[in-house]
């Protein structure tokens, strides 16, 4: 899984991370897979827990204490609508279930030197 990422959102700039435990918690609380939750968020068919859950769990996964994460979500709801935060929640999920890597399968083509670290 990926490490934490800094994300600027209506609640400020914070580290977010959704590891396997947080992703499973989203699935259990929403009774749907993470990709389904992301699509609900993007298609405006979300429930409020689809919005606040990934944000709160992402903050906790990024290292914020649970109580502080809950306060951060509540403070964000004072300055941004749940509709606006749905975009943030979808982006958090997307970053931790879909990403590109530089590592390509197979051997490098003949004549191409492998990078050394």
C-alpha atoms as a PDB file:
ATOM      1  CA  UNK A   1       0.000   0.000   0.000  1.00  0.00           C
ATOM      2  CA  UNK A   2       0.994   3.601  -0.422  1.00  0.00           C
ATOM      3  CA  UNK A   3       2.326   5.984   2.178  1.00  0.00           C
ATOM      4  CA  UNK A   4       0.536   9.097   3.394  1.00  0.00           C
ATOM      5  CA  UNK A   5      -0.049  11.974   0.989  1.00  0.00           C
ATOM      6  CA  UNK A   6      -0.487  15.666   1.724  1.00  0.00           C
ATOM      7  CA  UNK A   7      -3.856  16.905   0.486  1.00  0.00           C
ATOM      8  CA  UNK A   8      -5.217  20.444   0.569  1.00  0.00           C
ATOM      9  CA  UNK A   9      -8.945  20.362   1.318  1.00  0.00           C
ATOM     10  CA  UNK A  10     -11.516  22.713   2.897  1.00  0.00           C
ATOM     11  CA  UNK A  11     -10.253  21.646   6.347  1.00  0.00           C
ATOM     12  CA  UNK A  12      -6.671  22.727   5.615  1.00  0.00           C
ATOM     13  CA  UNK A  13      -3.616  20.777   4.503  1.00  0.00           C
ATOM     14  CA  UNK A  14      -3.180  17.375   6.123  1.00  0.00           C
ATOM     15  CA  UNK A  15      -1.626  13.959   5.646  1.00  0.00           C
ATOM     16  CA  UNK A  16      -4.102  11.341   4.464  1.00  0.00           C
ATOM     17  CA  UNK A  17      -3.637   7.606   4.066  1.00  0.00           C
ATOM     18  CA  UNK A  18      -6.063   4.774   3.484  1.00  0.00           C
ATOM     19  CA  UNK A  19      -4.386   1.480   4.268  1.00  0.00           C
ATOM     20  CA  UNK A  20      -6.110  -1.873   3.982  1.00  0.00           C
ATOM     21  CA  UNK A  21      -7.702  -1.459   7.428  1.00  0.00           C
ATOM     22  CA  UNK A  22      -9.194   1.922   6.590  1.00  0.00           C
ATOM     23  CA  UNK A  23     -10.392   0.707   3.186  1.00  0.00           C
ATOM     24  CA  UNK A  24     -12.112  -2.258   4.847  1.00  0.00           C
ATOM     25  CA  UNK A  25     -13.708   0.072   7.405  1.00  0.00           C
ATOM     26  CA  UNK A  26     -15.140   2.193   4.572  1.00  0.00           C
ATOM     27  CA  UNK A  27     -16.550  -0.941   2.942  1.00  0.00           C
ATOM     28  CA  UNK A  28     -18.074  -2.238   6.171  1.00  0.00           C
ATOM     29  CA  UNK A  29     -19.659   1.086   7.101  1.00  0.00           C
ATOM     30  CA  UNK A  30     -21.060   1.687   3.633  1.00  0.00           C
ATOM     31  CA  UNK A  31     -21.940  -1.933   2.786  1.00  0.00           C
ATOM     32  CA  UNK A  32     -20.256  -1.387  -0.587  1.00  0.00           C
ATOM     33  CA  UNK A  33     -16.819  -1.687  -2.120  1.00  0.00           C
ATOM     34  CA  UNK A  34     -14.514   1.334  -2.121  1.00  0.00           C
ATOM     35  CA  UNK A  35     -14.861   1.780  -5.885  1.00  0.00           C
ATOM     36  CA  UNK A  36     -18.657   1.797  -5.506  1.00  0.00           C
ATOM     37  CA  UNK A  37     -18.411   4.421  -2.753  1.00  0.00           C
ATOM     38  CA  UNK A  38     -16.120   6.518  -4.959  1.00  0.00           C
ATOM     39  CA  UNK A  39     -18.570   6.286  -7.858  1.00  0.00           C
ATOM     40  CA  UNK A  40     -21.482   7.242  -5.578  1.00  0.00           C
ATOM     41  CA  UNK A  41     -19.499  10.299  -4.504  1.00  0.00           C
ATOM     42  CA  UNK A  42     -18.713  11.282  -8.089  1.00  0.00           C
ATOM     43  CA  UNK A  43     -22.270  10.735  -9.318  1.00  0.00           C
ATOM     44  CA  UNK A  44     -23.973  12.621  -6.450  1.00  0.00           C
ATOM     45  CA  UNK A  45     -25.638   9.453  -5.159  1.00  0.00           C
ATOM     46  CA  UNK A  46     -23.782   9.458  -1.854  1.00  0.00           C
ATOM     47  CA  UNK A  47     -24.901   9.134   1.724  1.00  0.00           C
ATOM     48  CA  UNK A  48     -23.420  11.474   4.332  1.00  0.00           C
ATOM     49  CA  UNK A  49     -21.237   8.678   5.751  1.00  0.00           C
ATOM     50  CA  UNK A  50     -19.816   8.142   2.233  1.00  0.00           C
ATOM     51  CA  UNK A  51     -18.521  11.715   2.528  1.00  0.00           C
ATOM     52  CA  UNK A  52     -17.300  11.979   6.119  1.00  0.00           C
ATOM     53  CA  UNK A  53     -16.023   8.405   6.532  1.00  0.00           C
ATOM     54  CA  UNK A  54     -13.187   8.437   3.980  1.00  0.00           C
ATOM     55  CA  UNK A  55     -12.052  11.883   5.110  1.00  0.00           C
ATOM     56  CA  UNK A  56     -11.985  10.965   8.805  1.00  0.00           C
ATOM     57  CA  UNK A  57     -10.403   7.560   8.203  1.00  0.00           C
ATOM     58  CA  UNK A  58      -7.871   9.096   5.819  1.00  0.00           C
ATOM     59  CA  UNK A  59      -6.816  11.607   8.472  1.00  0.00           C
ATOM     60  CA  UNK A  60      -6.466   8.841  11.064  1.00  0.00           C
ATOM     61  CA  UNK A  61      -4.518   6.693   8.600  1.00  0.00           C
ATOM     62  CA  UNK A  62      -2.293   9.703   7.953  1.00  0.00           C
ATOM     63  CA  UNK A  63      -1.388   9.878  11.644  1.00  0.00           C
ATOM     64  CA  UNK A  64      -3.966  12.213  13.168  1.00  0.00           C
ATOM     65  CA  UNK A  65      -5.517  11.084  16.472  1.00  0.00           C
ATOM     66  CA  UNK A  66      -9.131   9.900  16.111  1.00  0.00           C
ATOM     67  CA  UNK A  67     -10.608  12.727  18.192  1.00  0.00           C
ATOM     68  CA  UNK A  68      -8.675  15.373  16.240  1.00  0.00           C
ATOM     69  CA  UNK A  69      -9.759  13.808  12.948  1.00  0.00           C
ATOM     70  CA  UNK A  70     -13.404  13.992  14.004  1.00  0.00           C
ATOM     71  CA  UNK A  71     -12.957  17.642  14.996  1.00  0.00           C
ATOM     72  CA  UNK A  72     -11.276  18.421  11.665  1.00  0.00           C
ATOM     73  CA  UNK A  73     -14.196  16.913   9.740  1.00  0.00           C
ATOM     74  CA  UNK A  74     -16.725  18.823  11.857  1.00  0.00           C
ATOM     75  CA  UNK A  75     -14.779  22.073  11.345  1.00  0.00           C
ATOM     76  CA  UNK A  76     -14.675  21.457   7.584  1.00  0.00           C
ATOM     77  CA  UNK A  77     -18.453  20.991   7.591  1.00  0.00           C
ATOM     78  CA  UNK A  78     -18.720  24.493   9.088  1.00  0.00           C
ATOM     79  CA  UNK A  79     -16.965  26.035   6.060  1.00  0.00           C
ATOM     80  CA  UNK A  80     -17.856  23.650   3.221  1.00  0.00           C
ATOM     81  CA  UNK A  81     -21.018  21.813   2.255  1.00  0.00           C
ATOM     82  CA  UNK A  82     -21.209  18.023   2.276  1.00  0.00           C
ATOM     83  CA  UNK A  83     -21.591  18.320  -1.499  1.00  0.00           C
ATOM     84  CA  UNK A  84     -18.218  20.088  -1.751  1.00  0.00           C
ATOM     85  CA  UNK A  85     -16.601  17.606   0.634  1.00  0.00           C
ATOM     86  CA  UNK A  86     -17.835  14.720  -1.540  1.00  0.00           C
ATOM     87  CA  UNK A  87     -15.182  15.726  -4.086  1.00  0.00           C
ATOM     88  CA  UNK A  88     -12.511  15.570  -1.368  1.00  0.00           C
ATOM     89  CA  UNK A  89     -13.720  12.160  -0.195  1.00  0.00           C
ATOM     90  CA  UNK A  90     -13.704  10.783  -3.752  1.00  0.00           C
ATOM     91  CA  UNK A  91     -10.173  12.089  -4.335  1.00  0.00           C
ATOM     92  CA  UNK A  92      -8.922  10.529  -1.097  1.00  0.00           C
ATOM     93  CA  UNK A  93     -10.342   7.139  -2.068  1.00  0.00           C
ATOM     94  CA  UNK A  94      -9.015   7.447  -5.634  1.00  0.00           C
ATOM     95  CA  UNK A  95      -5.471   8.139  -4.467  1.00  0.00           C
ATOM     96  CA  UNK A  96      -5.390   4.962  -2.418  1.00  0.00           C
ATOM     97  CA  UNK A  97      -7.144   2.486  -4.708  1.00  0.00           C
ATOM     98  CA  UNK A  98      -5.824   3.670  -8.105  1.00  0.00           C
ATOM     99  CA  UNK A  99      -2.305   4.788  -8.903  1.00  0.00           C
ATOM    100  CA  UNK A 100       0.396   4.393 -11.495  1.00  0.00           C
ATOM    101  CA  UNK A 101       3.844   3.079 -10.670  1.00  0.00           C
ATOM    102  CA  UNK A 102       7.118   3.571 -12.476  1.00  0.00           C
ATOM    103  CA  UNK A 103       7.810  -0.145 -12.150  1.00  0.00           C
ATOM    104  CA  UNK A 104       6.948  -1.933 -15.378  1.00  0.00           C
ATOM    105  CA  UNK A 105       6.630  -5.730 -15.499  1.00  0.00           C
ATOM    106  CA  UNK A 106       9.225  -7.782 -17.335  1.00  0.00           C
ATOM    107  CA  UNK A 107      12.821  -7.213 -18.342  1.00  0.00           C
ATOM    108  CA  UNK A 108      14.056  -3.935 -19.833  1.00  0.00           C
ATOM    109  CA  UNK A 109      14.482  -3.994 -23.602  1.00  0.00           C
ATOM    110  CA  UNK A 110      17.920  -4.892 -24.958  1.00  0.00           C
ATOM    111  CA  UNK A 111      20.307  -1.962 -24.882  1.00  0.00           C
ATOM    112  CA  UNK A 112      18.406  -0.092 -22.147  1.00  0.00           C
ATOM    113  CA  UNK A 113      20.373   0.133 -18.933  1.00  0.00           C
ATOM    114  CA  UNK A 114      18.528  -0.293 -15.656  1.00  0.00           C
ATOM    115  CA  UNK A 115      18.717   2.661 -13.262  1.00  0.00           C
ATOM    116  CA  UNK A 116      20.928   2.202 -10.255  1.00  0.00           C
ATOM    117  CA  UNK A 117      20.174   3.823  -6.923  1.00  0.00           C
END
